[in-house]
Amino acid sequence: MGIGNIGGMAIALSLGGPGATFWMIMAGLLGMSTKLAECIAGVKYRRENPDGTVSGGPMYYLEQGLRLRGLSLIAKPLGMFYALAIVIGCLGIGNMFQSNQAFEQFVYATGGTDSFFLDKGWLFGLVIASAVALVIIGGLKSIARVTSRLVPFMATAYVIFALLIIALNSSRLPWAIQAIFSEAFSPQGIAGGMFGVMILGFQRAVFSNEAGIGSAAIAHSAVRTNEPSTEGYVGLLEPFIDTVVICTLTALVILTTIYEPDMTGQGLQGIELTSQAFESTLTWSAVPLSFITILFAFSTMISWSYYGLKGWTYLVGEGRKKEMLFKAFFCVFGVLGSTMQLGAVLDFSDAMVFVIALPNILGLYLLAPILKQELRGYQDRMSRASVVSGRYS
């Protein structure tokens, strides 16, 4: 979970109107099956390194899985293409966008246009990049230890805040729900009509939950299990919680507070729009929301550093010096993100989502028979174990 849940939803609403929320929900539901397949494949085709660590993800299941399907000619090239794409893409999706929106929220909470930090994005970027560096130097266990403590706290706090805002503005809730469904199919004043708002919804959903781009499967591959399907079931919960629940709450907060129809298409407001929505009801909410937002950005950046690192080591090989080179490069881009305009960062990130998804979606389609067999085999074993257990009990 990251700023895509807060700022990404605001972007979708400001450009596509309430109907974009409907298509985000649809994309989240469809993404559950994609994430299931990615995580099963990630665990099934992961590689155990001599030092006991594990490497996995699309680059490995594309290479190994496609060879088993008799597609050796494209197996390694697709794996390398994905690895290169995730190395470049992690700099935008999970790095520059996160630091950019965290800085925007920090400026908003410290005075907006009157903030002392308004023109000091480099300083904010340097601080957050340094904090990221301290964690990622420790490797996967360090990353997991930090995120496993931060994410539940952030998610719970954000949900409580959002539900409180919605409850206090419940008189507008029926209109908000009606607008989400009605404008999904007949949006007003949006370029591309229904298909335009559908694309906006799917773009922001993929940015939020990563389903289809295979990145999360890189982390899931490190799980301790001998049953790939169990991690698939864990993975499919992510798009539901991330997009269907969290993003919908963000949309309802904005729609029940400050949203007006004439806002649609007026530009990218991102995290600032969400902040204004919270502050319109709870004037003191800017500071705690900023704290939550920065932690969202921080946890996402350290997670994506791991995704990019695994793509990097797939291309250049394992080794501490090689890994440290990538980590330093990653942190530099965290500083850059805080100094750039949102539009430029978002355009680059969206383009990289598309590039990363291409080989992954193709690979999952080709591997579908194997993954289906793996899932059915696990379900059959569980059914037999349940029958035996029932007999004994």
Protein backbone atom coordinates (compact mmCIF):
# COMPACT_ATOMS: atom_id res chain seq x y z
CA MET A 1 0.00 0.00 0.00
CA GLY A 2 1.26 3.43 -0.93
CA ILE A 3 0.36 6.94 -1.95
CA GLY A 4 -1.47 5.56 -4.98
CA ASN A 5 -4.30 4.78 -2.53
CA ILE A 6 -4.54 8.44 -1.49
CA GLY A 7 -3.11 10.62 -4.25
CA GLY A 8 -3.88 8.23 -7.11
CA MET A 9 -7.57 8.15 -6.30
CA ALA A 10 -7.68 11.94 -6.19
CA ILE A 11 -6.05 12.10 -9.64
CA ALA A 12 -8.66 9.68 -11.02
CA LEU A 13 -11.52 11.77 -9.63
CA SER A 14 -10.12 15.12 -10.75
CA LEU A 15 -9.61 13.85 -14.31
CA GLY A 16 -12.35 11.24 -14.74
CA GLY A 17 -15.08 12.12 -12.26
CA PRO A 18 -16.90 9.74 -9.89
CA GLY A 19 -17.27 7.08 -12.60
CA ALA A 20 -13.54 6.36 -12.46
CA THR A 21 -14.14 4.89 -8.99
CA PHE A 22 -16.42 2.21 -10.44
CA TRP A 23 -13.77 1.10 -12.92
CA MET A 24 -11.11 1.12 -10.21
CA ILE A 25 -13.27 -1.29 -8.23
CA MET A 26 -13.76 -3.50 -11.29
CA ALA A 27 -10.03 -3.48 -11.97
CA GLY A 28 -9.37 -4.40 -8.33
CA LEU A 29 -11.73 -7.38 -8.52
CA LEU A 30 -10.24 -8.59 -11.81
CA GLY A 31 -6.75 -7.99 -10.44
CA MET A 32 -7.37 -10.55 -7.70
CA SER A 33 -7.13 -13.38 -10.26
CA THR A 34 -4.05 -11.84 -11.85
CA LYS A 35 -2.32 -11.52 -8.48
CA LEU A 36 -3.26 -15.13 -7.66
CA ALA A 37 -1.53 -16.34 -10.83
CA GLU A 38 1.53 -14.12 -10.33
CA CYS A 39 2.17 -15.29 -6.78
CA ILE A 40 1.71 -18.97 -7.62
CA ALA A 41 4.16 -18.64 -10.49
CA GLY A 42 6.58 -16.62 -8.37
CA VAL A 43 6.87 -19.31 -5.71
CA LYS A 44 6.77 -22.23 -8.15
CA TYR A 45 9.70 -20.98 -10.25
CA ARG A 46 11.80 -19.15 -7.65
CA ARG A 47 15.52 -19.78 -7.37
CA GLU A 48 17.36 -20.52 -4.14
CA ASN A 49 20.79 -18.88 -4.04
CA PRO A 50 23.92 -20.46 -2.53
CA ASP A 51 23.80 -18.05 0.42
CA GLY A 52 20.30 -19.20 1.37
CA THR A 53 18.47 -16.21 -0.07
CA VAL A 54 15.68 -16.56 -2.62
CA SER A 55 15.20 -14.82 -5.96
CA GLY A 56 11.88 -14.91 -7.74
CA GLY A 57 9.36 -12.99 -9.74
CA PRO A 58 8.32 -12.64 -13.38
CA MET A 59 11.87 -12.71 -14.79
CA TYR A 60 12.32 -16.18 -13.29
CA TYR A 61 8.92 -17.64 -14.10
CA LEU A 62 9.08 -16.22 -17.61
CA GLU A 63 12.44 -17.89 -18.22
CA GLN A 64 11.83 -21.24 -16.51
CA GLY A 65 8.10 -21.60 -17.10
CA LEU A 66 8.17 -20.78 -20.80
CA ARG A 67 11.01 -23.27 -21.32
CA LEU A 68 8.78 -25.99 -19.87
CA ARG A 69 6.10 -24.90 -22.34
CA GLY A 70 8.55 -25.47 -25.20
CA LEU A 71 9.11 -21.75 -25.79
CA SER A 72 12.84 -21.59 -25.10
CA LEU A 73 13.37 -19.11 -27.93
CA ILE A 74 11.50 -16.33 -26.12
CA ALA A 75 11.96 -17.47 -22.50
CA LYS A 76 15.26 -15.76 -21.62
CA PRO A 77 14.64 -12.61 -23.74
CA LEU A 78 11.27 -12.03 -22.06
CA GLY A 79 12.82 -12.55 -18.64
CA MET A 80 15.55 -10.03 -19.41
CA PHE A 81 13.07 -7.55 -20.90
CA TYR A 82 10.98 -7.72 -17.72
CA ALA A 83 14.03 -7.37 -15.48
CA LEU A 84 15.21 -4.27 -17.35
CA ALA A 85 11.69 -2.81 -17.26
CA ILE A 86 11.33 -3.32 -13.49
CA VAL A 87 14.76 -1.75 -12.87
CA ILE A 88 13.77 1.39 -14.79
CA GLY A 89 10.13 1.33 -13.68
CA CYS A 90 10.90 1.11 -9.97
CA LEU A 91 12.52 4.53 -10.21
CA GLY A 92 9.20 6.11 -11.16
CA ILE A 93 6.33 4.01 -9.80
CA GLY A 94 7.74 3.13 -6.42
CA ASN A 95 10.21 5.94 -5.95
CA MET A 96 9.82 9.35 -7.63
CA PHE A 97 6.00 9.34 -7.49
CA GLN A 98 6.07 8.39 -3.82
CA SER A 99 8.62 11.04 -2.77
CA ASN A 100 6.88 13.62 -4.98
CA GLN A 101 3.47 13.17 -3.39
CA ALA A 102 4.92 12.83 0.12
CA PHE A 103 6.64 16.19 -0.38
CA GLU A 104 3.43 17.80 -1.69
CA GLN A 105 1.59 16.62 1.41
CA PHE A 106 4.39 17.82 3.67
CA VAL A 107 4.29 21.29 2.08
CA TYR A 108 0.50 21.40 2.40
CA ALA A 109 0.69 20.53 6.11
CA THR A 110 3.39 23.12 6.80
CA GLY A 111 1.60 26.09 5.25
CA GLY A 112 1.04 25.40 1.56
CA THR A 113 2.23 28.31 -0.59
CA ASP A 114 3.50 30.01 2.57
CA SER A 115 5.52 26.99 3.68
CA PHE A 116 9.22 27.46 4.36
CA PHE A 117 9.79 24.16 2.51
CA LEU A 118 7.92 25.16 -0.68
CA ASP A 119 11.09 25.39 -2.78
CA LYS A 120 13.12 22.87 -0.80
CA GLY A 121 12.04 19.62 -2.36
CA TRP A 122 15.67 18.57 -2.59
CA LEU A 123 15.98 18.76 1.20
CA PHE A 124 12.86 16.66 1.81
CA GLY A 125 14.00 14.18 -0.83
CA LEU A 126 17.42 13.94 0.78
CA VAL A 127 15.89 13.15 4.18
CA ILE A 128 13.47 10.48 2.94
CA ALA A 129 16.09 8.94 0.63
CA SER A 130 18.53 8.73 3.53
CA ALA A 131 15.91 6.99 5.67
CA VAL A 132 15.22 4.55 2.82
CA ALA A 133 18.95 3.88 2.47
CA LEU A 134 19.28 2.98 6.15
CA VAL A 135 16.61 0.29 5.75
CA ILE A 136 17.43 -1.19 2.34
CA ILE A 137 21.11 -1.66 3.17
CA GLY A 138 19.92 -4.27 5.67
CA GLY A 139 18.32 -6.39 2.93
CA LEU A 140 14.98 -8.19 2.72
CA LYS A 141 14.65 -9.06 6.42
CA SER A 142 15.16 -5.42 7.34
CA ILE A 143 12.58 -4.34 4.76
CA ALA A 144 10.06 -6.90 5.97
CA ARG A 145 10.58 -5.97 9.61
CA VAL A 146 9.93 -2.27 8.97
CA THR A 147 6.97 -2.63 6.59
CA SER A 148 5.23 -5.30 8.67
CA ARG A 149 5.09 -2.81 11.55
CA LEU A 150 4.27 0.32 9.56
CA VAL A 151 1.64 -0.90 7.08
CA PRO A 152 -0.96 -2.31 9.54
CA PHE A 153 -0.72 0.86 11.62
CA MET A 154 -1.03 3.14 8.60
CA ALA A 155 -3.89 1.21 7.04
CA THR A 156 -5.89 1.08 10.27
CA ALA A 157 -5.36 4.76 11.02
CA TYR A 158 -6.29 5.80 7.49
CA VAL A 159 -9.44 3.67 7.42
CA ILE A 160 -10.59 5.10 10.77
CA PHE A 161 -10.01 8.67 9.57
CA ALA A 162 -11.80 8.00 6.27
CA LEU A 163 -14.83 6.35 7.90
CA LEU A 164 -15.09 9.25 10.34
CA ILE A 165 -15.11 11.81 7.50
CA ILE A 166 -17.72 9.82 5.56
CA ALA A 167 -19.92 9.46 8.65
CA LEU A 168 -19.77 13.19 9.35
CA ASN A 169 -20.83 13.89 5.77
CA SER A 170 -23.30 11.02 5.45
CA SER A 171 -25.98 13.29 3.94
CA ARG A 172 -23.97 13.33 0.68
CA LEU A 173 -23.25 9.60 0.70
CA PRO A 174 -26.32 8.51 -1.35
CA TRP A 175 -25.43 11.04 -4.06
CA ALA A 176 -21.79 9.89 -4.07
CA ILE A 177 -22.71 6.22 -4.52
CA GLN A 178 -25.25 7.06 -7.23
CA ALA A 179 -22.68 9.21 -9.07
CA ILE A 180 -20.06 6.45 -8.99
CA PHE A 181 -22.36 4.06 -10.84
CA SER A 182 -24.19 6.47 -13.15
CA GLU A 183 -21.09 8.31 -14.38
CA ALA A 184 -19.21 5.08 -14.99
CA PHE A 185 -21.33 4.58 -18.11
CA SER A 186 -22.35 8.13 -19.01
CA PRO A 187 -19.56 10.47 -17.87
CA GLN A 188 -19.99 14.11 -18.69
CA GLY A 189 -17.28 16.24 -20.29
CA ILE A 190 -14.57 13.57 -20.25
CA ALA A 191 -12.39 12.94 -23.28
CA GLY A 192 -13.14 9.49 -24.64
CA GLY A 193 -16.48 9.17 -22.88
CA MET A 194 -17.05 5.87 -21.09
CA PHE A 195 -13.85 4.35 -22.45
CA GLY A 196 -11.85 7.37 -21.31
CA VAL A 197 -13.07 7.10 -17.74
CA MET A 198 -12.63 3.31 -17.84
CA ILE A 199 -8.98 3.70 -18.84
CA LEU A 200 -8.43 6.25 -16.07
CA GLY A 201 -9.93 3.88 -13.51
CA PHE A 202 -7.85 0.92 -14.65
CA GLN A 203 -4.67 3.01 -14.79
CA ARG A 204 -4.99 4.19 -11.22
CA ALA A 205 -6.07 0.74 -10.00
CA VAL A 206 -2.98 -0.94 -11.46
CA PHE A 207 -0.83 1.84 -10.00
CA SER A 208 -2.45 1.18 -6.64
CA ASN A 209 -2.43 -2.62 -6.37
CA GLU A 210 0.28 -3.65 -8.90
CA ALA A 211 -1.86 -6.54 -10.19
CA GLY A 212 -0.70 -7.43 -13.70
CA ILE A 213 2.79 -5.95 -13.47
CA GLY A 214 4.19 -8.81 -11.39
CA SER A 215 6.17 -6.66 -8.97
CA ALA A 216 4.58 -8.00 -5.79
CA ALA A 217 5.35 -11.57 -6.88
CA ILE A 218 9.03 -10.74 -6.42
CA ALA A 219 8.48 -10.27 -2.68
CA HIS A 220 5.96 -13.13 -2.38
CA SER A 221 8.56 -15.50 -3.86
CA ALA A 222 10.60 -15.27 -0.65
CA VAL A 223 7.84 -16.84 1.47
CA ARG A 224 8.54 -20.02 3.45
CA THR A 225 6.14 -22.55 1.95
CA ASN A 226 6.23 -25.65 -0.20
CA GLU A 227 2.78 -24.91 -1.64
CA PRO A 228 2.83 -22.12 -4.26
CA SER A 229 -0.98 -21.95 -4.26
CA THR A 230 -1.14 -20.83 -0.62
CA GLU A 231 0.80 -17.69 -1.52
CA GLY A 232 -1.57 -17.17 -4.43
CA TYR A 233 -4.48 -17.01 -2.00
CA VAL A 234 -2.58 -14.51 0.16
CA GLY A 235 -1.77 -12.40 -2.89
CA LEU A 236 -5.33 -12.16 -4.19
CA LEU A 237 -6.39 -10.38 -1.00
CA GLU A 238 -4.12 -7.45 -1.83
CA PRO A 239 -6.09 -5.88 -4.73
CA PHE A 240 -9.30 -6.26 -2.73
CA ILE A 241 -7.98 -4.50 0.38
CA ASP A 242 -5.80 -2.04 -1.51
CA THR A 243 -8.17 -0.93 -4.28
CA VAL A 244 -11.71 -2.12 -3.54
CA VAL A 245 -11.58 -1.04 0.12
CA ILE A 246 -8.92 1.68 0.63
CA CYS A 247 -9.27 3.49 -2.72
CA THR A 248 -13.08 3.42 -2.51
CA LEU A 249 -12.91 4.99 0.95
CA THR A 250 -10.65 7.74 -0.42
CA ALA A 251 -13.10 8.37 -3.26
CA LEU A 252 -16.05 8.59 -0.87
CA VAL A 253 -14.15 11.02 1.36
CA ILE A 254 -13.59 13.37 -1.59
CA LEU A 255 -17.08 12.92 -3.07
CA THR A 256 -18.87 13.56 0.23
CA THR A 257 -16.86 16.69 1.05
CA ILE A 258 -15.38 19.04 -1.54
CA TYR A 259 -16.01 17.38 -4.92
CA GLU A 260 -17.95 19.41 -7.49
CA PRO A 261 -18.82 18.31 -11.05
CA ASP A 262 -16.96 21.26 -12.58
CA MET A 263 -13.69 19.94 -11.09
CA THR A 264 -13.55 17.12 -13.65
CA GLY A 265 -10.80 17.54 -16.19
CA GLN A 266 -9.39 20.64 -14.52
CA GLY A 267 -5.99 19.12 -13.84
CA LEU A 268 -3.93 16.85 -11.61
CA GLN A 269 -4.32 17.79 -7.98
CA GLY A 270 -3.19 14.50 -6.50
CA ILE A 271 -2.64 14.24 -2.78
CA GLU A 272 -3.51 17.91 -2.21
CA LEU A 273 -7.12 17.22 -3.20
CA THR A 274 -7.40 14.41 -0.65
CA SER A 275 -5.87 16.64 2.03
CA GLN A 276 -8.39 19.39 1.30
CA ALA A 277 -11.21 16.85 1.59
CA PHE A 278 -10.06 15.69 5.02
CA GLU A 279 -9.37 19.19 6.27
CA SER A 280 -12.77 20.49 5.12
CA THR A 281 -14.38 18.39 7.87
CA LEU A 282 -11.57 17.94 10.40
CA THR A 283 -9.43 21.08 10.35
CA TRP A 284 -6.71 19.41 12.41
CA SER A 285 -6.37 16.37 10.12
CA ALA A 286 -3.58 17.77 7.88
CA VAL A 287 -0.78 16.84 10.29
CA PRO A 288 -1.80 13.22 11.03
CA LEU A 289 -2.66 12.67 7.35
CA SER A 290 0.78 13.98 6.40
CA PHE A 291 2.38 11.56 8.85
CA ILE A 292 0.41 8.64 7.40
CA THR A 293 1.18 9.73 3.84
CA ILE A 294 4.91 10.00 4.40
CA LEU A 295 4.93 6.55 6.01
CA PHE A 296 2.96 5.20 3.03
CA ALA A 297 5.58 6.66 0.70
CA PHE A 298 8.45 5.37 2.84
CA SER A 299 7.16 1.79 3.02
CA THR A 300 6.44 1.73 -0.72
CA MET A 301 9.88 3.04 -1.60
CA ILE A 302 11.71 0.42 0.43
CA SER A 303 9.51 -2.34 -1.05
CA TRP A 304 10.08 -1.19 -4.62
CA SER A 305 13.80 -0.93 -3.99
CA TYR A 306 13.72 -4.69 -3.44
CA TYR A 307 11.74 -5.27 -6.64
CA GLY A 308 14.22 -3.24 -8.66
CA LEU A 309 17.18 -4.90 -6.95
CA LYS A 310 16.00 -8.37 -7.96
CA GLY A 311 15.63 -7.23 -11.55
CA TRP A 312 19.13 -5.74 -11.35
CA THR A 313 20.74 -8.91 -9.96
CA TYR A 314 18.95 -10.99 -12.60
CA LEU A 315 20.67 -8.88 -15.27
CA VAL A 316 24.15 -8.35 -13.78
CA GLY A 317 24.44 -11.17 -11.22
CA GLU A 318 24.57 -11.34 -7.43
CA GLY A 319 27.22 -9.51 -5.41
CA ARG A 320 27.34 -6.94 -2.64
CA LYS A 321 29.08 -4.25 -4.69
CA LYS A 322 26.62 -4.62 -7.53
CA GLU A 323 23.70 -4.45 -5.11
CA MET A 324 25.04 -1.36 -3.35
CA LEU A 325 25.45 0.40 -6.71
CA PHE A 326 21.77 -0.10 -7.48
CA LYS A 327 20.65 0.96 -3.99
CA ALA A 328 22.63 4.21 -4.26
CA PHE A 329 21.16 4.87 -7.71
CA PHE A 330 17.65 4.22 -6.37
CA CYS A 331 18.07 6.70 -3.52
CA VAL A 332 19.28 9.44 -5.88
CA PHE A 333 16.02 9.18 -7.82
CA GLY A 334 14.11 9.51 -4.56
CA VAL A 335 15.65 12.95 -4.17
CA LEU A 336 14.86 13.87 -7.79
CA GLY A 337 11.20 12.93 -7.39
CA SER A 338 10.69 15.57 -4.72
CA THR A 339 11.95 18.31 -7.03
CA MET A 340 9.84 17.48 -10.12
CA GLN A 341 6.30 18.37 -11.21
CA LEU A 342 3.62 15.72 -10.64
CA GLY A 343 2.58 15.60 -14.30
CA ALA A 344 6.06 14.61 -15.51
CA VAL A 345 6.50 11.99 -12.78
CA LEU A 346 3.05 10.53 -13.43
CA ASP A 347 3.54 10.32 -17.20
CA PHE A 348 6.82 8.46 -16.77
CA SER A 349 5.36 6.13 -14.15
CA ASP A 350 2.26 5.30 -16.20
CA ALA A 351 4.39 4.56 -19.25
CA MET A 352 6.57 2.20 -17.21
CA VAL A 353 3.52 0.38 -15.81
CA PHE A 354 2.54 -0.43 -19.40
CA VAL A 355 6.05 -1.55 -20.36
CA ILE A 356 6.42 -3.76 -17.27
CA ALA A 357 2.97 -5.32 -17.71
CA LEU A 358 3.49 -6.38 -21.34
CA PRO A 359 5.88 -9.35 -20.81
CA ASN A 360 4.21 -10.32 -17.53
CA ILE A 361 0.67 -10.55 -18.92
CA LEU A 362 1.92 -12.45 -21.98
CA GLY A 363 3.83 -14.84 -19.76
CA LEU A 364 0.87 -15.48 -17.43
CA TYR A 365 -1.34 -16.22 -20.42
CA LEU A 366 1.15 -18.77 -21.75
CA LEU A 367 1.67 -20.30 -18.30
CA ALA A 368 -2.05 -20.44 -17.46
CA PRO A 369 -2.43 -24.24 -18.05
CA ILE A 370 0.49 -25.01 -15.70
CA LEU A 371 -0.75 -22.60 -13.01
CA LYS A 372 -4.27 -24.00 -13.28
CA GLN A 373 -2.93 -27.52 -12.82
CA GLU A 374 -0.90 -26.38 -9.78
CA LEU A 375 -3.95 -24.78 -8.17
CA ARG A 376 -6.22 -27.75 -8.83
CA GLY A 377 -3.61 -30.14 -7.46
CA TYR A 378 -3.42 -28.14 -4.23
CA GLN A 379 -7.22 -27.97 -3.92
CA ASP A 380 -7.49 -31.74 -4.46
CA ARG A 381 -4.87 -32.43 -1.77
CA MET A 382 -6.68 -30.15 0.67
CA SER A 383 -9.99 -31.84 -0.09
CA ARG A 384 -8.54 -35.30 0.54
CA ALA A 385 -6.89 -34.13 3.75
CA SER A 386 -10.20 -32.66 4.89
CA VAL A 387 -12.02 -35.94 4.22
CA VAL A 388 -9.37 -37.96 6.13
CA SER A 389 -9.47 -35.50 9.02
CA GLY A 390 -13.26 -35.75 9.11
CA ARG A 391 -13.15 -39.51 9.30
CA TYR A 392 -10.73 -39.51 12.21
CA SER A 393 -12.62 -36.82 14.11
